[in-house]
Amino acid sequence: MIPHGIDNLNHAIGAIGFNEWRVSDKGLVYLSSNNKWSMSFEAPRALNIMTSWFKSNGWEVEISSSGLIATQMLKQLEGVWGVGLLKRKGLIELLNKMSEGRALLKNAFWGEIQKL
């Protein structure tokens, strides 16, 4: 879902062209001026889209420290599918111990992970 009313939409979606992009109720629309040209790009990142939308509406936003931690967790867990690992009670307990400053040596850490 991409909201309407984003200034410089092409920057938000990581595509070329300035005035050729629109958002419809069905998604992105590219107004091509040449039917022989082809175009490809990756799916836009939600962070870029929402930051651009907020900026277009006069708000300056930044990711909170909790948001940065969540982003790194998703990255390290390789996306939302890896988040399921966090439902293991033992892992949460281990992470809580480590957050209290109880460091584990590498082998001890992997030993605990293997138990889980």
PDB file of N, CA and C in Angstrom:
ATOM      1  N   MET A   1       0.829  -1.162   0.000  1.00  0.00           N
ATOM      2  CA  MET A   1       0.000   0.000   0.000  1.00  0.00           C
ATOM      3  C   MET A   1       0.883   1.237   0.000  1.00  0.00           C
ATOM      4  N   ILE A   2       0.674   2.091  -0.948  1.00  0.00           N
ATOM      5  CA  ILE A   2       1.430   3.332  -1.034  1.00  0.00           C
ATOM      6  C   ILE A   2       0.426   4.477  -0.918  1.00  0.00           C
ATOM      7  N   PRO A   3       0.603   5.358   0.057  1.00  0.00           N
ATOM      8  CA  PRO A   3      -0.360   6.453   0.228  1.00  0.00           C
ATOM      9  C   PRO A   3      -0.256   7.482  -0.888  1.00  0.00           C
ATOM     10  N   HIS A   4      -1.349   8.161  -1.143  1.00  0.00           N
ATOM     11  CA  HIS A   4      -1.391   9.235  -2.133  1.00  0.00           C
ATOM     12  C   HIS A   4      -0.702  10.470  -1.568  1.00  0.00           C
ATOM     13  N   GLY A   5      -0.235  11.353  -2.453  1.00  0.00           N
ATOM     14  CA  GLY A   5       0.260  12.654  -2.033  1.00  0.00           C
ATOM     15  C   GLY A   5       1.703  12.684  -1.587  1.00  0.00           C
ATOM     16  N   ILE A   6       2.556  11.856  -2.185  1.00  0.00           N
ATOM     17  CA  ILE A   6       3.977  11.878  -1.844  1.00  0.00           C
ATOM     18  C   ILE A   6       4.701  12.754  -2.863  1.00  0.00           C
ATOM     19  N   ASP A   7       5.356  13.817  -2.377  1.00  0.00           N
ATOM     20  CA  ASP A   7       6.194  14.636  -3.259  1.00  0.00           C
ATOM     21  C   ASP A   7       7.406  13.814  -3.658  1.00  0.00           C
ATOM     22  N   ASN A   8       7.869  13.982  -4.879  1.00  0.00           N
ATOM     23  CA  ASN A   8       9.038  13.244  -5.375  1.00  0.00           C
ATOM     24  C   ASN A   8       8.875  11.737  -5.176  1.00  0.00           C
ATOM     25  N   LEU A   9       7.756  11.232  -5.618  1.00  0.00           N
ATOM     26  CA  LEU A   9       7.450   9.808  -5.475  1.00  0.00           C
ATOM     27  C   LEU A   9       8.560   8.935  -6.043  1.00  0.00           C
ATOM     28  N   ASN A  10       9.182   9.365  -7.143  1.00  0.00           N
ATOM     29  CA  ASN A  10      10.226   8.550  -7.762  1.00  0.00           C
ATOM     30  C   ASN A  10      11.383   8.293  -6.786  1.00  0.00           C
ATOM     31  N   HIS A  11      11.732   9.264  -5.962  1.00  0.00           N
ATOM     32  CA  HIS A  11      12.798   9.057  -4.978  1.00  0.00           C
ATOM     33  C   HIS A  11      12.364   8.050  -3.913  1.00  0.00           C
ATOM     34  N   ALA A  12      11.132   8.156  -3.477  1.00  0.00           N
ATOM     35  CA  ALA A  12      10.621   7.263  -2.439  1.00  0.00           C
ATOM     36  C   ALA A  12      10.609   5.813  -2.895  1.00  0.00           C
ATOM     37  N   ILE A  13      10.329   5.589  -4.181  1.00  0.00           N
ATOM     38  CA  ILE A  13      10.254   4.206  -4.665  1.00  0.00           C
ATOM     39  C   ILE A  13      11.552   3.747  -5.310  1.00  0.00           C
ATOM     40  N   GLY A  14      12.536   4.643  -5.403  1.00  0.00           N
ATOM     41  CA  GLY A  14      13.832   4.270  -5.966  1.00  0.00           C
ATOM     42  C   GLY A  14      13.799   4.065  -7.465  1.00  0.00           C
ATOM     43  N   ALA A  15      13.016   4.886  -8.175  1.00  0.00           N
ATOM     44  CA  ALA A  15      12.877   4.731  -9.622  1.00  0.00           C
ATOM     45  C   ALA A  15      13.286   6.017 -10.332  1.00  0.00           C
ATOM     46  N   ILE A  16      13.488   5.901 -11.643  1.00  0.00           N
ATOM     47  CA  ILE A  16      13.814   7.080 -12.442  1.00  0.00           C
ATOM     48  C   ILE A  16      12.527   7.780 -12.855  1.00  0.00           C
ATOM     49  N   GLY A  17      12.672   9.009 -13.342  1.00  0.00           N
ATOM     50  CA  GLY A  17      11.516   9.776 -13.783  1.00  0.00           C
ATOM     51  C   GLY A  17      11.002  10.634 -12.642  1.00  0.00           C
ATOM     52  N   PHE A  18      10.540  11.843 -12.996  1.00  0.00           N
ATOM     53  CA  PHE A  18      10.084  12.749 -11.950  1.00  0.00           C
ATOM     54  C   PHE A  18       8.569  12.877 -11.917  1.00  0.00           C
ATOM     55  N   ASN A  19       7.991  13.244 -13.033  1.00  0.00           N
ATOM     56  CA  ASN A  19       6.552  13.516 -13.067  1.00  0.00           C
ATOM     57  C   ASN A  19       5.754  12.376 -13.669  1.00  0.00           C
ATOM     58  N   GLU A  20       6.416  11.272 -13.971  1.00  0.00           N
ATOM     59  CA  GLU A  20       5.741  10.171 -14.657  1.00  0.00           C
ATOM     60  C   GLU A  20       5.051   9.189 -13.706  1.00  0.00           C
ATOM     61  N   TRP A  21       5.306   9.278 -12.437  1.00  0.00           N
ATOM     62  CA  TRP A  21       4.782   8.310 -11.477  1.00  0.00           C
ATOM     63  C   TRP A  21       3.536   8.835 -10.781  1.00  0.00           C
ATOM     64  N   ARG A  22       2.569   7.940 -10.590  1.00  0.00           N
ATOM     65  CA  ARG A  22       1.339   8.243  -9.872  1.00  0.00           C
ATOM     66  C   ARG A  22       1.003   7.053  -8.982  1.00  0.00           C
ATOM     67  N   VAL A  23       0.159   7.309  -8.012  1.00  0.00           N
ATOM     68  CA  VAL A  23      -0.359   6.232  -7.169  1.00  0.00           C
ATOM     69  C   VAL A  23      -1.855   6.163  -7.399  1.00  0.00           C
ATOM     70  N   SER A  24      -2.331   4.974  -7.737  1.00  0.00           N
ATOM     71  CA  SER A  24      -3.767   4.774  -7.896  1.00  0.00           C
ATOM     72  C   SER A  24      -4.242   3.851  -6.779  1.00  0.00           C
ATOM     73  N   ASP A  25      -5.523   3.601  -6.736  1.00  0.00           N
ATOM     74  CA  ASP A  25      -6.056   2.683  -5.728  1.00  0.00           C
ATOM     75  C   ASP A  25      -5.559   1.260  -5.943  1.00  0.00           C
ATOM     76  N   LYS A  26      -5.043   0.974  -7.146  1.00  0.00           N
ATOM     77  CA  LYS A  26      -4.538  -0.364  -7.454  1.00  0.00           C
ATOM     78  C   LYS A  26      -3.029  -0.471  -7.340  1.00  0.00           C
ATOM     79  N   GLY A  27      -2.336   0.648  -7.100  1.00  0.00           N
ATOM     80  CA  GLY A  27      -0.881   0.598  -6.954  1.00  0.00           C
ATOM     81  C   GLY A  27      -0.190   1.683  -7.754  1.00  0.00           C
ATOM     82  N   LEU A  28       1.097   1.448  -8.044  1.00  0.00           N
ATOM     83  CA  LEU A  28       1.907   2.410  -8.782  1.00  0.00           C
ATOM     84  C   LEU A  28       1.548   2.423 -10.265  1.00  0.00           C
ATOM     85  N   VAL A  29       1.597   3.613 -10.855  1.00  0.00           N
ATOM     86  CA  VAL A  29       1.337   3.781 -12.280  1.00  0.00           C
ATOM     87  C   VAL A  29       2.490   4.590 -12.852  1.00  0.00           C
ATOM     88  N   TYR A  30       3.047   4.102 -13.963  1.00  0.00           N
ATOM     89  CA  TYR A  30       4.092   4.838 -14.673  1.00  0.00           C
ATOM     90  C   TYR A  30       3.527   5.328 -15.982  1.00  0.00           C
ATOM     91  N   LEU A  31       3.573   6.636 -16.213  1.00  0.00           N
ATOM     92  CA  LEU A  31       3.066   7.241 -17.448  1.00  0.00           C
ATOM     93  C   LEU A  31       4.211   7.301 -18.461  1.00  0.00           C
ATOM     94  N   SER A  32       4.344   6.259 -19.229  1.00  0.00           N
ATOM     95  CA  SER A  32       5.449   6.129 -20.176  1.00  0.00           C
ATOM     96  C   SER A  32       5.266   7.042 -21.376  1.00  0.00           C
ATOM     97  N   SER A  33       6.363   7.631 -21.820  1.00  0.00           N
ATOM     98  CA  SER A  33       6.302   8.471 -23.016  1.00  0.00           C
ATOM     99  C   SER A  33       6.837   7.728 -24.241  1.00  0.00           C
ATOM    100  N   ASN A  34       7.307   6.506 -24.049  1.00  0.00           N
ATOM    101  CA  ASN A  34       7.827   5.722 -25.154  1.00  0.00           C
ATOM    102  C   ASN A  34       7.477   4.257 -24.921  1.00  0.00           C
ATOM    103  N   ASN A  35       6.708   3.671 -25.815  1.00  0.00           N
ATOM    104  CA  ASN A  35       6.284   2.281 -25.621  1.00  0.00           C
ATOM    105  C   ASN A  35       7.387   1.265 -25.915  1.00  0.00           C
ATOM    106  N   LYS A  36       8.559   1.713 -26.358  1.00  0.00           N
ATOM    107  CA  LYS A  36       9.675   0.802 -26.627  1.00  0.00           C
ATOM    108  C   LYS A  36      10.610   0.665 -25.423  1.00  0.00           C
ATOM    109  N   TRP A  37      10.478   1.550 -24.446  1.00  0.00           N
ATOM    110  CA  TRP A  37      11.343   1.497 -23.271  1.00  0.00           C
ATOM    111  C   TRP A  37      10.822   0.455 -22.286  1.00  0.00           C
ATOM    112  N   SER A  38      11.737  -0.198 -21.618  1.00  0.00           N
ATOM    113  CA  SER A  38      11.344  -1.099 -20.533  1.00  0.00           C
ATOM    114  C   SER A  38      11.912  -0.545 -19.234  1.00  0.00           C
ATOM    115  N   MET A  39      11.298  -0.914 -18.152  1.00  0.00           N
ATOM    116  CA  MET A  39      11.733  -0.410 -16.860  1.00  0.00           C
ATOM    117  C   MET A  39      11.567  -1.507 -15.828  1.00  0.00           C
ATOM    118  N   SER A  40      12.517  -1.574 -14.931  1.00  0.00           N
ATOM    119  CA  SER A  40      12.397  -2.502 -13.806  1.00  0.00           C
ATOM    120  C   SER A  40      13.002  -1.847 -12.575  1.00  0.00           C
ATOM    121  N   PHE A  41      12.480  -2.193 -11.443  1.00  0.00           N
ATOM    122  CA  PHE A  41      13.012  -1.715 -10.171  1.00  0.00           C
ATOM    123  C   PHE A  41      12.533  -2.639  -9.075  1.00  0.00           C
ATOM    124  N   GLU A  42      13.186  -2.566  -7.933  1.00  0.00           N
ATOM    125  CA  GLU A  42      12.810  -3.415  -6.808  1.00  0.00           C
ATOM    126  C   GLU A  42      11.591  -2.840  -6.095  1.00  0.00           C
ATOM    127  N   ALA A  43      10.919  -3.681  -5.358  1.00  0.00           N
ATOM    128  CA  ALA A  43       9.781  -3.203  -4.572  1.00  0.00           C
ATOM    129  C   ALA A  43      10.262  -2.119  -3.611  1.00  0.00           C
ATOM    130  N   PRO A  44       9.515  -1.046  -3.501  1.00  0.00           N
ATOM    131  CA  PRO A  44       9.949   0.048  -2.631  1.00  0.00           C
ATOM    132  C   PRO A  44       9.955  -0.356  -1.164  1.00  0.00           C
ATOM    133  N   ARG A  45      10.869   0.242  -0.424  1.00  0.00           N
ATOM    134  CA  ARG A  45      10.971  -0.027   1.011  1.00  0.00           C
ATOM    135  C   ARG A  45       9.934   0.796   1.763  1.00  0.00           C
ATOM    136  N   ALA A  46       9.264   0.163   2.703  1.00  0.00           N
ATOM    137  CA  ALA A  46       8.220   0.833   3.482  1.00  0.00           C
ATOM    138  C   ALA A  46       8.774   2.056   4.209  1.00  0.00           C
ATOM    139  N   LEU A  47       9.988   1.956   4.726  1.00  0.00           N
ATOM    140  CA  LEU A  47      10.589   3.081   5.444  1.00  0.00           C
ATOM    141  C   LEU A  47      10.703   4.300   4.535  1.00  0.00           C
ATOM    142  N   ASN A  48      11.169   4.115   3.310  1.00  0.00           N
ATOM    143  CA  ASN A  48      11.301   5.226   2.373  1.00  0.00           C
ATOM    144  C   ASN A  48       9.938   5.823   2.015  1.00  0.00           C
ATOM    145  N   ILE A  49       8.970   4.953   1.776  1.00  0.00           N
ATOM    146  CA  ILE A  49       7.635   5.413   1.404  1.00  0.00           C
ATOM    147  C   ILE A  49       7.020   6.241   2.529  1.00  0.00           C
ATOM    148  N   MET A  50       7.030   5.710   3.738  1.00  0.00           N
ATOM    149  CA  MET A  50       6.369   6.409   4.838  1.00  0.00           C
ATOM    150  C   MET A  50       7.116   7.679   5.238  1.00  0.00           C
ATOM    151  N   THR A  51       8.442   7.650   5.222  1.00  0.00           N
ATOM    152  CA  THR A  51       9.209   8.856   5.535  1.00  0.00           C
ATOM    153  C   THR A  51       8.902   9.954   4.520  1.00  0.00           C
ATOM    154  N   SER A  52       8.831   9.595   3.244  1.00  0.00           N
ATOM    155  CA  SER A  52       8.502  10.561   2.198  1.00  0.00           C
ATOM    156  C   SER A  52       7.087  11.099   2.359  1.00  0.00           C
ATOM    157  N   TRP A  53       6.159  10.229   2.706  1.00  0.00           N
ATOM    158  CA  TRP A  53       4.780  10.667   2.890  1.00  0.00           C
ATOM    159  C   TRP A  53       4.679  11.660   4.048  1.00  0.00           C
ATOM    160  N   PHE A  54       5.319  11.329   5.176  1.00  0.00           N
ATOM    161  CA  PHE A  54       5.308  12.254   6.312  1.00  0.00           C
ATOM    162  C   PHE A  54       5.920  13.596   5.928  1.00  0.00           C
ATOM    163  N   LYS A  55       7.059  13.561   5.239  1.00  0.00           N
ATOM    164  CA  LYS A  55       7.732  14.792   4.825  1.00  0.00           C
ATOM    165  C   LYS A  55       6.838  15.619   3.899  1.00  0.00           C
ATOM    166  N   SER A  56       6.134  14.957   2.981  1.00  0.00           N
ATOM    167  CA  SER A  56       5.224  15.653   2.071  1.00  0.00           C
ATOM    168  C   SER A  56       4.076  16.325   2.817  1.00  0.00           C
ATOM    169  N   ASN A  57       3.772  15.834   4.005  1.00  0.00           N
ATOM    170  CA  ASN A  57       2.695  16.393   4.814  1.00  0.00           C
ATOM    171  C   ASN A  57       3.210  17.317   5.919  1.00  0.00           C
ATOM    172  N   GLY A  58       4.487  17.706   5.825  1.00  0.00           N
ATOM    173  CA  GLY A  58       5.035  18.703   6.732  1.00  0.00           C
ATOM    174  C   GLY A  58       5.617  18.173   8.024  1.00  0.00           C
ATOM    175  N   TRP A  59       5.790  16.881   8.158  1.00  0.00           N
ATOM    176  CA  TRP A  59       6.341  16.299   9.380  1.00  0.00           C
ATOM    177  C   TRP A  59       7.747  15.788   9.136  1.00  0.00           C
ATOM    178  N   GLU A  60       8.615  16.049  10.074  1.00  0.00           N
ATOM    179  CA  GLU A  60       9.956  15.459  10.044  1.00  0.00           C
ATOM    180  C   GLU A  60       9.942  14.267  10.993  1.00  0.00           C
ATOM    181  N   VAL A  61      10.340  13.120  10.516  1.00  0.00           N
ATOM    182  CA  VAL A  61      10.315  11.910  11.341  1.00  0.00           C
ATOM    183  C   VAL A  61      11.681  11.246  11.329  1.00  0.00           C
ATOM    184  N   GLU A  62      11.940  10.477  12.373  1.00  0.00           N
ATOM    185  CA  GLU A  62      13.146   9.654  12.419  1.00  0.00           C
ATOM    186  C   GLU A  62      12.811   8.387  13.193  1.00  0.00           C
ATOM    187  N   ILE A  63      13.587   7.370  12.956  1.00  0.00           N
ATOM    188  CA  ILE A  63      13.342   6.088  13.612  1.00  0.00           C
ATOM    189  C   ILE A  63      13.786   6.193  15.069  1.00  0.00           C
ATOM    190  N   SER A  64      12.950   5.705  15.973  1.00  0.00           N
ATOM    191  CA  SER A  64      13.284   5.707  17.400  1.00  0.00           C
ATOM    192  C   SER A  64      14.353   4.653  17.674  1.00  0.00           C
ATOM    193  N   SER A  65      14.920   4.711  18.861  1.00  0.00           N
ATOM    194  CA  SER A  65      15.921   3.694  19.215  1.00  0.00           C
ATOM    195  C   SER A  65      15.285   2.303  19.224  1.00  0.00           C
ATOM    196  N   SER A  66      14.042   2.214  19.672  1.00  0.00           N
ATOM    197  CA  SER A  66      13.338   0.919  19.635  1.00  0.00           C
ATOM    198  C   SER A  66      13.129   0.452  18.206  1.00  0.00           C
ATOM    199  N   GLY A  67      12.827   1.399  17.314  1.00  0.00           N
ATOM    200  CA  GLY A  67      12.651   1.062  15.907  1.00  0.00           C
ATOM    201  C   GLY A  67      13.942   0.582  15.270  1.00  0.00           C
ATOM    202  N   LEU A  68      15.064   1.208  15.644  1.00  0.00           N
ATOM    203  CA  LEU A  68      16.368   0.764  15.135  1.00  0.00           C
ATOM    204  C   LEU A  68      16.686  -0.650  15.609  1.00  0.00           C
ATOM    205  N   ILE A  69      16.369  -0.925  16.870  1.00  0.00           N
ATOM    206  CA  ILE A  69      16.602  -2.276  17.406  1.00  0.00           C
ATOM    207  C   ILE A  69      15.727  -3.289  16.667  1.00  0.00           C
ATOM    208  N   ALA A  70      14.455  -2.942  16.474  1.00  0.00           N
ATOM    209  CA  ALA A  70      13.543  -3.845  15.754  1.00  0.00           C
ATOM    210  C   ALA A  70      14.019  -4.088  14.326  1.00  0.00           C
ATOM    211  N   THR A  71      14.510  -3.042  13.677  1.00  0.00           N
ATOM    212  CA  THR A  71      15.022  -3.180  12.310  1.00  0.00           C
ATOM    213  C   THR A  71      16.210  -4.119  12.273  1.00  0.00           C
ATOM    214  N   GLN A  72      17.124  -3.969  13.219  1.00  0.00           N
ATOM    215  CA  GLN A  72      18.292  -4.850  13.261  1.00  0.00           C
ATOM    216  C   GLN A  72      17.893  -6.292  13.589  1.00  0.00           C
ATOM    217  N   MET A  73      16.909  -6.449  14.468  1.00  0.00           N
ATOM    218  CA  MET A  73      16.451  -7.802  14.789  1.00  0.00           C
ATOM    219  C   MET A  73      15.873  -8.475  13.548  1.00  0.00           C
ATOM    220  N   LEU A  74      15.050  -7.747  12.805  1.00  0.00           N
ATOM    221  CA  LEU A  74      14.487  -8.311  11.574  1.00  0.00           C
ATOM    222  C   LEU A  74      15.583  -8.654  10.577  1.00  0.00           C
ATOM    223  N   LYS A  75      16.582  -7.795  10.504  1.00  0.00           N
ATOM    224  CA  LYS A  75      17.696  -8.051   9.580  1.00  0.00           C
ATOM    225  C   LYS A  75      18.458  -9.307  10.002  1.00  0.00           C
ATOM    226  N   GLN A  76      18.783  -9.409  11.281  1.00  0.00           N
ATOM    227  CA  GLN A  76      19.557 -10.546  11.763  1.00  0.00           C
ATOM    228  C   GLN A  76      18.762 -11.849  11.728  1.00  0.00           C
ATOM    229  N   LEU A  77      17.450 -11.750  11.920  1.00  0.00           N
ATOM    230  CA  LEU A  77      16.594 -12.939  11.889  1.00  0.00           C
ATOM    231  C   LEU A  77      16.111 -13.260  10.480  1.00  0.00           C
ATOM    232  N   GLU A  78      16.614 -12.491   9.515  1.00  0.00           N
ATOM    233  CA  GLU A  78      16.307 -12.687   8.097  1.00  0.00           C
ATOM    234  C   GLU A  78      14.824 -12.531   7.792  1.00  0.00           C
ATOM    235  N   GLY A  79      14.216 -11.503   8.361  1.00  0.00           N
ATOM    236  CA  GLY A  79      12.837 -11.158   8.047  1.00  0.00           C
ATOM    237  C   GLY A  79      11.842 -11.644   9.074  1.00  0.00           C
ATOM    238  N   VAL A  80      10.578 -11.432   8.727  1.00  0.00           N
ATOM    239  CA  VAL A  80       9.510 -11.744   9.672  1.00  0.00           C
ATOM    240  C   VAL A  80       9.410 -13.233   9.978  1.00  0.00           C
ATOM    241  N   TRP A  81       9.860 -14.080   9.057  1.00  0.00           N
ATOM    242  CA  TRP A  81       9.776 -15.519   9.302  1.00  0.00           C
ATOM    243  C   TRP A  81      10.680 -15.926  10.459  1.00  0.00           C
ATOM    244  N   GLY A  82      11.825 -15.262  10.619  1.00  0.00           N
ATOM    245  CA  GLY A  82      12.751 -15.588  11.694  1.00  0.00           C
ATOM    246  C   GLY A  82      12.300 -15.111  13.056  1.00  0.00           C
ATOM    247  N   VAL A  83      11.336 -14.212  13.098  1.00  0.00           N
ATOM    248  CA  VAL A  83      10.849 -13.686  14.374  1.00  0.00           C
ATOM    249  C   VAL A  83      10.243 -14.805  15.219  1.00  0.00           C
ATOM    250  N   GLY A  84       9.761 -15.848  14.580  1.00  0.00           N
ATOM    251  CA  GLY A  84       9.211 -16.991  15.309  1.00  0.00           C
ATOM    252  C   GLY A  84      10.192 -17.612  16.290  1.00  0.00           C
ATOM    253  N   LEU A  85      11.487 -17.419  16.040  1.00  0.00           N
ATOM    254  CA  LEU A  85      12.490 -17.931  16.977  1.00  0.00           C
ATOM    255  C   LEU A  85      12.354 -17.299  18.353  1.00  0.00           C
ATOM    256  N   LEU A  86      11.840 -16.081  18.381  1.00  0.00           N
ATOM    257  CA  LEU A  86      11.731 -15.347  19.638  1.00  0.00           C
ATOM    258  C   LEU A  86      10.612 -15.859  20.534  1.00  0.00           C
ATOM    259  N   LYS A  87       9.799 -16.766  20.050  1.00  0.00           N
ATOM    260  CA  LYS A  87       8.734 -17.305  20.890  1.00  0.00           C
ATOM    261  C   LYS A  87       9.261 -18.359  21.872  1.00  0.00           C
ATOM    262  N   ARG A  88      10.523 -18.720  21.709  1.00  0.00           N
ATOM    263  CA  ARG A  88      11.112 -19.706  22.621  1.00  0.00           C
ATOM    264  C   ARG A  88      11.464 -19.040  23.946  1.00  0.00           C
ATOM    265  N   LYS A  89      10.846 -19.519  24.994  1.00  0.00           N
ATOM    266  CA  LYS A  89      11.006 -18.912  26.322  1.00  0.00           C
ATOM    267  C   LYS A  89      12.476 -18.900  26.745  1.00  0.00           C
ATOM    268  N   GLY A  90      13.183 -19.964  26.482  1.00  0.00           N
ATOM    269  CA  GLY A  90      14.586 -20.051  26.872  1.00  0.00           C
ATOM    270  C   GLY A  90      15.446 -18.996  26.207  1.00  0.00           C
ATOM    271  N   LEU A  91      15.145 -18.683  24.954  1.00  0.00           N
ATOM    272  CA  LEU A  91      15.907 -17.663  24.242  1.00  0.00           C
ATOM    273  C   LEU A  91      15.657 -16.287  24.848  1.00  0.00           C
ATOM    274  N   ILE A  92      14.414 -16.004  25.175  1.00  0.00           N
ATOM    275  CA  ILE A  92      14.084 -14.720  25.804  1.00  0.00           C
ATOM    276  C   ILE A  92      14.802 -14.603  27.142  1.00  0.00           C
ATOM    277  N   GLU A  93      14.824 -15.678  27.916  1.00  0.00           N
ATOM    278  CA  GLU A  93      15.526 -15.657  29.203  1.00  0.00           C
ATOM    279  C   GLU A  93      17.022 -15.415  29.001  1.00  0.00           C
ATOM    280  N   LEU A  94      17.615 -16.056  28.002  1.00  0.00           N
ATOM    281  CA  LEU A  94      19.037 -15.867  27.711  1.00  0.00           C
ATOM    282  C   LEU A  94      19.319 -14.421  27.309  1.00  0.00           C
ATOM    283  N   LEU A  95      18.493 -13.865  26.451  1.00  0.00           N
ATOM    284  CA  LEU A  95      18.668 -12.474  26.025  1.00  0.00           C
ATOM    285  C   LEU A  95      18.507 -11.513  27.203  1.00  0.00           C
ATOM    286  N   ASN A  96      17.567 -11.805  28.104  1.00  0.00           N
ATOM    287  CA  ASN A  96      17.405 -10.968  29.299  1.00  0.00           C
ATOM    288  C   ASN A  96      18.646 -11.001  30.175  1.00  0.00           C
ATOM    289  N   LYS A  97      19.217 -12.197  30.370  1.00  0.00           N
ATOM    290  CA  LYS A  97      20.453 -12.306  31.153  1.00  0.00           C
ATOM    291  C   LYS A  97      21.560 -11.473  30.525  1.00  0.00           C
ATOM    292  N   MET A  98      21.684 -11.584  29.209  1.00  0.00           N
ATOM    293  CA  MET A  98      22.744 -10.856  28.515  1.00  0.00           C
ATOM    294  C   MET A  98      22.511  -9.343  28.568  1.00  0.00           C
ATOM    295  N   SER A  99      21.242  -8.912  28.575  1.00  0.00           N
ATOM    296  CA  SER A  99      20.950  -7.479  28.626  1.00  0.00           C
ATOM    297  C   SER A  99      21.283  -6.881  29.985  1.00  0.00           C
ATOM    298  N   GLU A 100      21.397  -7.723  30.991  1.00  0.00           N
ATOM    299  CA  GLU A 100      21.754  -7.257  32.333  1.00  0.00           C
ATOM    300  C   GLU A 100      23.263  -7.176  32.525  1.00  0.00           C
ATOM    301  N   GLY A 101      24.006  -7.348  31.444  1.00  0.00           N
ATOM    302  CA  GLY A 101      25.457  -7.223  31.506  1.00  0.00           C
ATOM    303  C   GLY A 101      26.180  -8.533  31.775  1.00  0.00           C
ATOM    304  N   ARG A 102      25.460  -9.633  31.748  1.00  0.00           N
ATOM    305  CA  ARG A 102      26.095 -10.939  31.957  1.00  0.00           C
ATOM    306  C   ARG A 102      26.620 -11.444  30.618  1.00  0.00           C
ATOM    307  N   ALA A 103      27.871 -11.187  30.371  1.00  0.00           N
ATOM    308  CA  ALA A 103      28.474 -11.582  29.102  1.00  0.00           C
ATOM    309  C   ALA A 103      28.719 -13.088  29.074  1.00  0.00           C
ATOM    310  N   LEU A 104      28.635 -13.651  27.905  1.00  0.00           N
ATOM    311  CA  LEU A 104      28.945 -15.066  27.695  1.00  0.00           C
ATOM    312  C   LEU A 104      30.055 -15.154  26.670  1.00  0.00           C
ATOM    313  N   LEU A 105      30.979 -16.063  26.918  1.00  0.00           N
ATOM    314  CA  LEU A 105      31.993 -16.338  25.909  1.00  0.00           C
ATOM    315  C   LEU A 105      31.309 -17.013  24.720  1.00  0.00           C
ATOM    316  N   LYS A 106      31.961 -16.933  23.588  1.00  0.00           N
ATOM    317  CA  LYS A 106      31.380 -17.453  22.351  1.00  0.00           C
ATOM    318  C   LYS A 106      30.924 -18.903  22.495  1.00  0.00           C
ATOM    319  N   ASN A 107      31.781 -19.762  23.030  1.00  0.00           N
ATOM    320  CA  ASN A 107      31.430 -21.180  23.156  1.00  0.00           C
ATOM    321  C   ASN A 107      30.270 -21.389  24.127  1.00  0.00           C
ATOM    322  N   ALA A 108      30.254 -20.618  25.203  1.00  0.00           N
ATOM    323  CA  ALA A 108      29.157 -20.726  26.166  1.00  0.00           C
ATOM    324  C   ALA A 108      27.842 -20.273  25.534  1.00  0.00           C
ATOM    325  N   PHE A 109      27.907 -19.188  24.765  1.00  0.00           N
ATOM    326  CA  PHE A 109      26.712 -18.686  24.089  1.00  0.00           C
ATOM    327  C   PHE A 109      26.166 -19.752  23.138  1.00  0.00           C
ATOM    328  N   TRP A 110      27.040 -20.317  22.293  1.00  0.00           N
ATOM    329  CA  TRP A 110      26.572 -21.321  21.339  1.00  0.00           C
ATOM    330  C   TRP A 110      26.098 -22.587  22.042  1.00  0.00           C
ATOM    331  N   GLY A 111      26.691 -22.888  23.192  1.00  0.00           N
ATOM    332  CA  GLY A 111      26.220 -24.024  23.983  1.00  0.00           C
ATOM    333  C   GLY A 111      24.784 -23.811  24.452  1.00  0.00           C
ATOM    334  N   GLU A 112      24.503 -22.585  24.915  1.00  0.00           N
ATOM    335  CA  GLU A 112      23.146 -22.253  25.349  1.00  0.00           C
ATOM    336  C   GLU A 112      22.163 -22.304  24.174  1.00  0.00           C
ATOM    337  N   ILE A 113      22.601 -21.799  23.043  1.00  0.00           N
ATOM    338  CA  ILE A 113      21.741 -21.817  21.839  1.00  0.00           C
ATOM    339  C   ILE A 113      21.440 -23.243  21.422  1.00  0.00           C
ATOM    340  N   GLN A 114      22.451 -24.121  21.487  1.00  0.00           N
ATOM    341  CA  GLN A 114      22.238 -25.523  21.103  1.00  0.00           C
ATOM    342  C   GLN A 114      21.222 -26.208  22.021  1.00  0.00           C
ATOM    343  N   LYS A 115      21.236 -25.846  23.302  1.00  0.00           N
ATOM    344  CA  LYS A 115      20.260 -26.404  24.243  1.00  0.00           C
ATOM    345  C   LYS A 115      18.826 -26.005  23.857  1.00  0.00           C
ATOM    346  N   LEU A 116      18.708 -24.804  23.369  1.00  0.00           N
ATOM    347  CA  LEU A 116      17.366 -24.310  23.000  1.00  0.00           C
ATOM    348  C   LEU A 116      16.859 -25.026  21.764  1.00  0.00           C
TER     349      LEU A 116
END
